[in-house]
Amino acid sequence: MNVLKRTVIAALLLGGIAACGTAEESAANYIESGKALLADGKPQKARLEFKNAIQIDPRMAEPFYQPSFVLSLCLIQACYLYLRHHPSSSERYSRLL
């Protein structure tokens, strides 16, 4: 009976470990989710996904440089909105070119 009990406990522990997956897989899932959110135009949610990936595996490089795409997208949107509401600025910029 004691051997059966140990075998069942060992099987449950091994099953639990196998079901969890590795930290790299979890971080990769967050990165892919962040990329999808970025493509959908949700940069703030994407940034959170990249931060989650960094917390899980800080040795991965991709979640560190992906937020730069988020930042550049936000800057482009801000510039577009500014130029849209201030047409005189875009005219001055065109004259500089």
Foldseek 3Di string as FASTA:
>chain_A
DVVVVVVVVVVVVVVVVVVVDALQVQLVVLQVVLVVCVVVVNLVSSLVSLVVSCVSPVVDDVSVCVNVVSVVVVVVVVVVVVCVVPVVVVVVVVVVD
